[in-house]
Amino acid sequence: MNTLASRPAPDRADFIDRLRVTLTALVITHHAAITYGASGGWFYREVADDGSPSSLLLTLLTAVNQSFFMGMFFLLAGYFTPGSWRRKGGTRFLGDRLVRLGVPLLAFGFVLGPMSLALTGLPAGKPVFEPWLAMMAEGAFVIGPLWFALALLIFAAGWSVWATLHRPEAPTGEAPAEELPHWPAWLFAALAVGAAALLLRQVVPVGESVFGLQLGYFASYVFLFALGCHAARSRWLERVNVKQAAGWGAVSLLTVPWLFVSASLAGAFEGQSVDFNGGLGGPAVVYAFWEPLVAWGIIAGLLFGFRTRFNKASERWRRWNAHAYGAFIVHAPVLVALSVLAAPWKAPSLVKFGVIAVAAVLASFQVAALLHKIPGAKRII
């Protein structure tokens, strides 16, 4: 029988740190794809979502990304939450979360968000500093991608309340490890998350926000954060096996085309408007269930693949991991700046996407490394 190692929380395994770096790079790449033609919202769009082959390809990339990458961030955040809460206690835990999440949220909202907006006027010859300073003087708050920090603050507070009331036991070396859920449980979870997403989107369709939060996606975010908290006790994320990864990988591959099939059946390729975002139309129903069915396979594959191939110490990856959160925080103005500076470059949109995505990833991590040199910054980012 498997037993838990005698420690209060799962170690921060090297493969999980590498996953965190990879997911951060995917976030930046995702927003670069929207810049150059994918469907979605972003500060600056050089190429509209016009149904061209390159636009459809980038939209497929962002749709698949959206199905899993932010949800996986929440899963990993939840995985380390119980141990952190036990080590620090509820008051210190929440205080630490307020610093690590609240300070970047305010800094982005009042400074970097307005900067990102001001930069978008550069290709049209508009000034940058004047509107940026004006927005800051007015107290304009632009949440941008730091909605993630706000959501994590809410989730951390929710966990702290739940843990205070229920006092979950710490793992011990003598306790048997809880068996990983079997295939029917994974399927039931996917269907339940899909149904919850469909219901949420009747009230808040995808693309609409409440306090900067796109609640239409939160069925999977809440579930995956809670799953991460529960998985920590028996270290589930470190025990996903090849059968689960391969089986759900096949499910993901078989599910991906159905988004385009539903769009085609709804007349998207004949120029008809198709609503994936809300309501009870066929495409909206398909999209709600499509996301978790795609996500489970990708998440399982990444957990298994990174653990079996990349679970080893590396000084380079350690540095990248230390700067990943900072790169996430600063990537919006970095990406927008690079995009607007490259606007005069006449190149195919896919070429510009590839070049700018790579440049933005590298530049964001480098800016984060520079910020780390500021006294006290390491406590925050």
Protein backbone atom coordinates (compact mmCIF):
# COMPACT_ATOMS: atom_id res chain seq x y z
CA MET A 1 0.00 0.00 0.00
CA ASN A 2 1.31 3.49 -0.86
CA THR A 3 1.97 5.72 2.10
CA LEU A 4 2.53 9.44 2.31
CA ALA A 5 5.93 10.84 3.05
CA SER A 6 6.08 12.23 6.56
CA ARG A 7 5.99 15.94 5.82
CA PRO A 8 3.28 18.53 6.22
CA ALA A 9 2.85 19.41 2.54
CA PRO A 10 4.05 18.25 -0.85
CA ASP A 11 7.54 19.37 -1.79
CA ARG A 12 7.77 21.83 -4.64
CA ALA A 13 8.86 19.21 -7.16
CA ASP A 14 11.15 20.39 -9.94
CA PHE A 15 8.71 19.33 -12.65
CA ILE A 16 5.96 21.48 -11.15
CA ASP A 17 8.26 24.50 -11.17
CA ARG A 18 9.00 23.82 -14.83
CA LEU A 19 5.29 23.56 -15.53
CA ARG A 20 4.79 26.95 -13.92
CA VAL A 21 7.39 28.52 -16.22
CA THR A 22 5.85 26.83 -19.26
CA LEU A 23 2.35 27.99 -18.38
CA THR A 24 3.60 31.56 -17.95
CA ALA A 25 5.15 31.42 -21.42
CA LEU A 26 1.84 30.09 -22.75
CA VAL A 27 -0.04 33.04 -21.25
CA ILE A 28 2.25 35.48 -23.08
CA THR A 29 2.00 33.45 -26.30
CA HIS A 30 -1.80 33.38 -25.96
CA HIS A 31 -2.01 37.16 -25.85
CA ALA A 32 0.44 37.46 -28.74
CA ALA A 33 -1.87 35.20 -30.76
CA ILE A 34 -4.81 37.53 -30.07
CA THR A 35 -2.65 40.47 -31.16
CA TYR A 36 -2.15 38.87 -34.57
CA GLY A 37 -5.61 37.56 -35.39
CA ALA A 38 -6.98 35.08 -32.85
CA SER A 39 -10.39 35.59 -31.32
CA GLY A 40 -10.35 37.15 -27.88
CA GLY A 41 -9.82 40.37 -25.98
CA TRP A 42 -6.48 42.11 -25.50
CA PHE A 43 -5.09 45.63 -25.15
CA TYR A 44 -3.76 45.84 -28.73
CA ARG A 45 -4.87 43.99 -31.86
CA GLU A 46 -2.90 44.51 -35.05
CA VAL A 47 -4.87 41.89 -37.00
CA ALA A 48 -8.61 41.43 -36.57
CA ASP A 49 -10.27 38.04 -36.19
CA ASP A 50 -11.31 37.93 -39.84
CA GLY A 51 -11.83 34.23 -40.54
CA SER A 52 -8.63 33.92 -42.58
CA PRO A 53 -6.63 30.68 -42.35
CA SER A 54 -4.01 32.29 -40.11
CA SER A 55 -6.72 33.76 -37.89
CA LEU A 56 -8.49 30.40 -37.60
CA LEU A 57 -5.20 28.67 -36.74
CA LEU A 58 -4.41 31.20 -34.01
CA THR A 59 -7.98 30.98 -32.73
CA LEU A 60 -7.61 27.19 -32.42
CA LEU A 61 -4.41 27.77 -30.44
CA THR A 62 -6.11 30.20 -28.06
CA ALA A 63 -9.22 28.02 -27.70
CA VAL A 64 -7.14 25.00 -26.69
CA ASN A 65 -4.98 27.17 -24.42
CA GLN A 66 -8.04 28.66 -22.77
CA SER A 67 -9.44 25.22 -22.05
CA PHE A 68 -6.62 24.34 -19.67
CA PHE A 69 -3.85 26.84 -19.00
CA MET A 70 -5.46 29.17 -16.46
CA GLY A 71 -7.29 26.25 -14.90
CA MET A 72 -3.96 24.49 -14.47
CA PHE A 73 -2.55 27.58 -12.75
CA PHE A 74 -5.43 27.33 -10.27
CA LEU A 75 -4.81 23.60 -9.85
CA LEU A 76 -1.15 24.19 -8.98
CA ALA A 77 -2.03 27.10 -6.68
CA GLY A 78 -4.53 24.92 -4.84
CA TYR A 79 -1.99 22.11 -4.54
CA PHE A 80 0.31 24.21 -2.35
CA THR A 81 -2.41 26.07 -0.45
CA PRO A 82 -3.14 23.56 2.39
CA GLY A 83 0.52 23.18 3.32
CA SER A 84 1.09 26.93 3.27
CA TRP A 85 -1.99 27.49 5.44
CA ARG A 86 -0.85 24.89 8.00
CA ARG A 87 2.71 26.23 8.18
CA LYS A 88 1.75 29.89 8.52
CA GLY A 89 -1.61 29.79 10.23
CA GLY A 90 -4.69 31.51 8.90
CA THR A 91 -3.76 35.11 9.75
CA ARG A 92 -0.22 35.00 8.38
CA PHE A 93 -1.37 32.99 5.36
CA LEU A 94 -3.92 35.64 4.39
CA GLY A 95 -1.45 38.43 5.11
CA ASP A 96 1.08 36.80 2.81
CA ARG A 97 -1.57 36.38 0.10
CA LEU A 98 -2.52 40.05 0.42
CA VAL A 99 1.09 41.07 -0.15
CA ARG A 100 1.90 38.58 -2.92
CA LEU A 101 -1.37 39.05 -4.79
CA GLY A 102 -2.77 42.38 -3.65
CA VAL A 103 0.31 44.53 -4.23
CA PRO A 104 0.84 43.36 -7.85
CA LEU A 105 -2.91 43.71 -8.46
CA LEU A 106 -2.83 47.35 -7.36
CA ALA A 107 0.46 48.08 -9.15
CA PHE A 108 -0.86 46.69 -12.40
CA GLY A 109 -4.32 48.20 -12.07
CA PHE A 110 -3.14 51.76 -11.36
CA VAL A 111 0.20 51.83 -13.23
CA LEU A 112 0.94 49.03 -15.68
CA GLY A 113 -2.62 48.62 -16.97
CA PRO A 114 -2.92 52.31 -17.92
CA MET A 115 0.58 52.09 -19.44
CA SER A 116 -0.55 49.17 -21.61
CA LEU A 117 -3.55 51.16 -22.82
CA ALA A 118 -1.48 54.27 -23.51
CA LEU A 119 1.03 52.30 -25.58
CA THR A 120 -1.69 51.17 -28.00
CA GLY A 121 -1.91 54.66 -29.48
CA LEU A 122 1.71 54.63 -30.65
CA PRO A 123 1.10 53.20 -34.17
CA ALA A 124 -1.39 56.03 -34.84
CA GLY A 125 1.18 58.61 -33.77
CA LYS A 126 -0.55 59.39 -30.49
CA PRO A 127 1.48 60.37 -27.42
CA VAL A 128 2.09 57.79 -24.71
CA PHE A 129 3.17 59.58 -21.56
CA GLU A 130 0.40 62.20 -21.47
CA PRO A 131 -2.54 59.76 -21.54
CA TRP A 132 -0.73 57.37 -19.22
CA LEU A 133 -0.11 60.10 -16.64
CA ALA A 134 -3.68 61.36 -17.08
CA MET A 135 -5.14 57.91 -16.39
CA MET A 136 -2.98 57.50 -13.31
CA ALA A 137 -3.94 60.97 -12.08
CA GLU A 138 -7.62 60.10 -12.54
CA GLY A 139 -7.17 56.86 -10.59
CA ALA A 140 -8.21 54.71 -13.55
CA PHE A 141 -7.98 51.01 -12.65
CA VAL A 142 -7.25 48.54 -15.47
CA ILE A 143 -7.21 45.00 -14.14
CA GLY A 144 -6.04 43.22 -17.32
CA PRO A 145 -4.52 39.77 -16.73
CA LEU A 146 -4.18 40.49 -13.01
CA TRP A 147 -7.77 39.29 -12.62
CA PHE A 148 -5.92 36.08 -11.81
CA ALA A 149 -4.47 37.65 -8.65
CA LEU A 150 -7.92 38.88 -7.60
CA ALA A 151 -9.43 35.44 -8.17
CA LEU A 152 -6.64 33.77 -6.17
CA LEU A 153 -7.21 36.21 -3.31
CA ILE A 154 -10.88 35.23 -3.25
CA PHE A 155 -10.06 31.52 -3.45
CA ALA A 156 -7.40 31.81 -0.72
CA ALA A 157 -9.88 33.56 1.56
CA GLY A 158 -12.44 30.87 0.83
CA TRP A 159 -9.96 28.11 1.63
CA SER A 160 -8.94 29.82 4.85
CA VAL A 161 -12.55 30.05 6.03
CA TRP A 162 -13.20 26.40 5.11
CA ALA A 163 -9.98 25.19 6.75
CA THR A 164 -10.68 27.18 9.91
CA LEU A 165 -14.08 25.55 10.23
CA HIS A 166 -13.05 21.99 9.28
CA ARG A 167 -9.41 21.83 10.40
CA PRO A 168 -8.20 19.34 7.76
CA GLU A 169 -5.61 16.91 9.04
CA ALA A 170 -2.02 17.17 7.93
CA PRO A 171 -0.67 14.16 5.99
CA THR A 172 1.35 11.70 8.03
CA GLY A 173 3.74 8.94 7.13
CA GLU A 174 1.39 6.29 8.51
CA ALA A 175 -1.73 7.33 6.58
CA PRO A 176 -2.49 5.40 3.38
CA ALA A 177 -2.42 7.51 0.26
CA GLU A 178 -5.87 8.05 -1.19
CA GLU A 179 -6.22 6.28 -4.51
CA LEU A 180 -6.38 8.47 -7.59
CA PRO A 181 -9.88 8.82 -9.03
CA HIS A 182 -10.79 6.32 -11.72
CA TRP A 183 -11.94 7.10 -15.25
CA PRO A 184 -15.67 7.45 -14.43
CA ALA A 185 -14.87 10.11 -11.80
CA TRP A 186 -12.86 12.10 -14.35
CA LEU A 187 -15.73 11.89 -16.82
CA PHE A 188 -18.33 12.86 -14.24
CA ALA A 189 -16.19 15.85 -13.20
CA ALA A 190 -15.87 16.98 -16.83
CA LEU A 191 -19.61 16.73 -17.41
CA ALA A 192 -20.40 18.48 -14.11
CA VAL A 193 -17.98 21.32 -14.86
CA GLY A 194 -19.39 21.63 -18.37
CA ALA A 195 -22.96 21.81 -17.04
CA ALA A 196 -21.95 24.39 -14.41
CA ALA A 197 -20.20 26.48 -17.08
CA LEU A 198 -23.28 26.34 -19.32
CA LEU A 199 -25.49 27.54 -16.45
CA LEU A 200 -23.07 30.35 -15.52
CA ARG A 201 -22.96 31.53 -19.12
CA GLN A 202 -26.72 32.03 -19.15
CA VAL A 203 -26.10 34.83 -16.63
CA VAL A 204 -22.58 36.02 -17.54
CA PRO A 205 -21.62 34.99 -21.09
CA VAL A 206 -18.00 34.48 -22.04
CA GLY A 207 -16.48 37.86 -22.82
CA GLU A 208 -18.42 39.69 -20.13
CA SER A 209 -16.78 40.47 -16.80
CA VAL A 210 -17.85 41.16 -13.25
CA PHE A 211 -15.18 43.16 -11.40
CA GLY A 212 -12.74 42.09 -14.11
CA LEU A 213 -13.55 38.39 -13.68
CA GLN A 214 -14.92 36.44 -16.63
CA LEU A 215 -17.23 34.29 -14.54
CA GLY A 216 -18.21 32.20 -17.55
CA TYR A 217 -14.90 30.35 -17.16
CA PHE A 218 -15.02 30.00 -13.38
CA ALA A 219 -16.71 26.61 -13.18
CA SER A 220 -13.42 24.95 -14.12
CA TYR A 221 -11.31 27.43 -12.14
CA VAL A 222 -13.18 26.78 -8.89
CA PHE A 223 -13.21 23.03 -9.43
CA LEU A 224 -9.50 22.80 -10.29
CA PHE A 225 -8.44 24.98 -7.34
CA ALA A 226 -10.53 22.84 -4.98
CA LEU A 227 -9.17 19.69 -6.61
CA GLY A 228 -5.61 20.94 -6.08
CA CYS A 229 -6.32 21.55 -2.38
CA HIS A 230 -7.74 18.04 -2.02
CA ALA A 231 -5.00 16.44 -4.13
CA ALA A 232 -2.22 17.79 -1.92
CA ARG A 233 -2.83 15.30 0.91
CA SER A 234 -2.19 12.24 -1.24
CA ARG A 235 0.09 13.99 -3.76
CA TRP A 236 -2.16 13.14 -6.69
CA LEU A 237 -0.44 15.50 -9.12
CA GLU A 238 2.78 13.56 -8.68
CA ARG A 239 1.10 10.19 -9.26
CA VAL A 240 -0.74 10.60 -12.59
CA ASN A 241 0.18 7.49 -14.58
CA VAL A 242 0.66 6.73 -18.24
CA LYS A 243 -2.73 5.05 -18.57
CA GLN A 244 -4.56 8.12 -17.33
CA ALA A 245 -2.42 10.50 -19.38
CA ALA A 246 -2.71 8.48 -22.59
CA GLY A 247 -6.41 7.73 -22.18
CA TRP A 248 -7.44 11.29 -21.51
CA GLY A 249 -4.98 12.54 -24.11
CA ALA A 250 -6.95 10.51 -26.65
CA VAL A 251 -10.19 12.02 -25.36
CA SER A 252 -8.74 15.50 -25.82
CA LEU A 253 -7.60 14.79 -29.38
CA LEU A 254 -10.99 13.35 -30.32
CA THR A 255 -12.81 16.29 -28.71
CA VAL A 256 -10.86 19.19 -30.27
CA PRO A 257 -12.41 19.00 -33.78
CA TRP A 258 -15.98 19.16 -32.44
CA LEU A 259 -15.70 22.88 -31.80
CA PHE A 260 -15.21 23.42 -35.52
CA VAL A 261 -17.85 20.84 -36.41
CA SER A 262 -20.40 22.71 -34.30
CA ALA A 263 -19.36 26.02 -35.86
CA SER A 264 -19.69 24.54 -39.34
CA LEU A 265 -23.13 23.08 -38.62
CA ALA A 266 -24.21 26.51 -37.33
CA GLY A 267 -23.14 28.11 -40.62
CA ALA A 268 -19.95 29.84 -39.48
CA PHE A 269 -18.17 29.09 -42.75
CA GLU A 270 -21.09 30.50 -44.74
CA GLY A 271 -20.75 33.82 -42.96
CA GLN A 272 -23.43 33.31 -40.31
CA SER A 273 -22.87 34.59 -36.79
CA VAL A 274 -22.20 31.81 -34.27
CA ASP A 275 -22.53 32.34 -30.53
CA PHE A 276 -20.26 30.17 -28.41
CA ASN A 277 -20.40 32.50 -25.44
CA GLY A 278 -23.85 32.06 -23.92
CA GLY A 279 -27.39 30.87 -24.41
CA LEU A 280 -28.51 27.35 -25.20
CA GLY A 281 -27.62 27.18 -28.88
CA GLY A 282 -25.69 24.18 -30.15
CA PRO A 283 -22.26 25.88 -30.32
CA ALA A 284 -22.58 27.28 -26.78
CA VAL A 285 -23.56 23.87 -25.39
CA VAL A 286 -20.72 22.15 -27.25
CA TYR A 287 -18.19 24.75 -26.09
CA ALA A 288 -19.17 24.42 -22.41
CA PHE A 289 -18.56 20.65 -22.39
CA TRP A 290 -15.72 20.80 -24.92
CA GLU A 291 -13.44 22.75 -22.56
CA PRO A 292 -13.13 20.27 -19.64
CA LEU A 293 -12.97 17.27 -21.98
CA VAL A 294 -10.02 18.87 -23.75
CA ALA A 295 -8.48 20.22 -20.54
CA TRP A 296 -8.38 16.97 -18.55
CA GLY A 297 -6.25 15.23 -21.17
CA ILE A 298 -3.81 18.10 -21.61
CA ILE A 299 -3.41 18.59 -17.86
CA ALA A 300 -2.89 14.86 -17.27
CA GLY A 301 -0.41 14.68 -20.15
CA LEU A 302 1.59 17.66 -18.89
CA LEU A 303 1.70 16.33 -15.32
CA PHE A 304 2.83 12.88 -16.43
CA GLY A 305 5.20 14.07 -19.16
CA PHE A 306 6.96 16.70 -17.09
CA ARG A 307 7.26 14.38 -14.06
CA THR A 308 8.76 11.51 -16.04
CA ARG A 309 11.03 13.58 -18.30
CA PHE A 310 11.85 16.84 -16.56
CA ASN A 311 11.76 16.20 -12.82
CA LYS A 312 15.34 17.17 -12.13
CA ALA A 313 17.12 20.15 -10.64
CA SER A 314 18.38 22.83 -13.00
CA GLU A 315 19.88 26.18 -12.05
CA ARG A 316 18.53 27.76 -15.24
CA TRP A 317 14.98 26.54 -14.63
CA ARG A 318 15.27 27.57 -10.97
CA ARG A 319 16.00 31.13 -12.06
CA TRP A 320 13.18 31.10 -14.60
CA ASN A 321 10.76 29.80 -11.98
CA ALA A 322 11.81 32.55 -9.56
CA HIS A 323 10.94 35.12 -12.24
CA ALA A 324 7.78 33.48 -13.63
CA TYR A 325 5.31 35.39 -11.46
CA GLY A 326 7.04 38.68 -12.20
CA ALA A 327 6.98 37.90 -15.92
CA PHE A 328 3.25 37.26 -15.70
CA ILE A 329 2.72 40.61 -13.98
CA VAL A 330 4.71 42.71 -16.47
CA HIS A 331 4.02 40.87 -19.71
CA ALA A 332 1.12 43.07 -20.83
CA PRO A 333 3.06 46.34 -21.29
CA VAL A 334 6.08 44.39 -22.56
CA LEU A 335 4.05 42.57 -25.22
CA VAL A 336 2.10 45.67 -26.23
CA ALA A 337 5.32 47.71 -26.50
CA LEU A 338 6.98 45.12 -28.71
CA SER A 339 3.85 44.75 -30.84
CA VAL A 340 3.40 48.45 -31.49
CA LEU A 341 7.09 48.91 -32.22
CA ALA A 342 6.85 46.08 -34.78
CA ALA A 343 3.69 47.52 -36.38
CA PRO A 344 5.57 49.04 -39.38
CA TRP A 345 7.15 45.66 -40.15
CA LYS A 346 5.38 44.21 -43.19
CA ALA A 347 5.42 40.48 -42.59
CA PRO A 348 2.80 37.71 -42.57
CA SER A 349 0.80 37.71 -39.34
CA LEU A 350 1.96 34.20 -38.38
CA VAL A 351 5.59 35.23 -38.76
CA LYS A 352 5.05 38.33 -36.62
CA PHE A 353 3.18 36.25 -34.07
CA GLY A 354 6.08 33.80 -33.74
CA VAL A 355 8.77 36.47 -33.49
CA ILE A 356 6.89 38.75 -31.10
CA ALA A 357 5.71 35.87 -28.90
CA VAL A 358 9.27 34.63 -28.38
CA ALA A 359 10.60 38.16 -27.87
CA ALA A 360 7.84 38.99 -25.37
CA VAL A 361 8.48 35.82 -23.34
CA LEU A 362 12.21 36.51 -23.14
CA ALA A 363 11.76 40.22 -22.42
CA SER A 364 9.11 39.64 -19.74
CA PHE A 365 11.34 37.23 -17.84
CA GLN A 366 14.27 39.63 -18.18
CA VAL A 367 12.24 42.56 -16.84
CA ALA A 368 11.11 40.36 -13.94
CA ALA A 369 14.75 39.49 -13.21
CA LEU A 370 15.61 43.20 -13.08
CA LEU A 371 12.67 43.91 -10.77
CA HIS A 372 13.91 41.18 -8.43
CA LYS A 373 16.99 43.32 -7.74
CA ILE A 374 14.84 46.01 -6.13
CA PRO A 375 15.08 45.71 -2.32
CA GLY A 376 12.03 43.92 -0.96
CA ALA A 377 10.72 42.90 -4.39
CA LYS A 378 11.37 39.18 -3.84
CA ARG A 379 8.79 39.13 -1.07
CA ILE A 380 6.17 40.27 -3.56
CA ILE A 381 7.18 38.75 -6.90
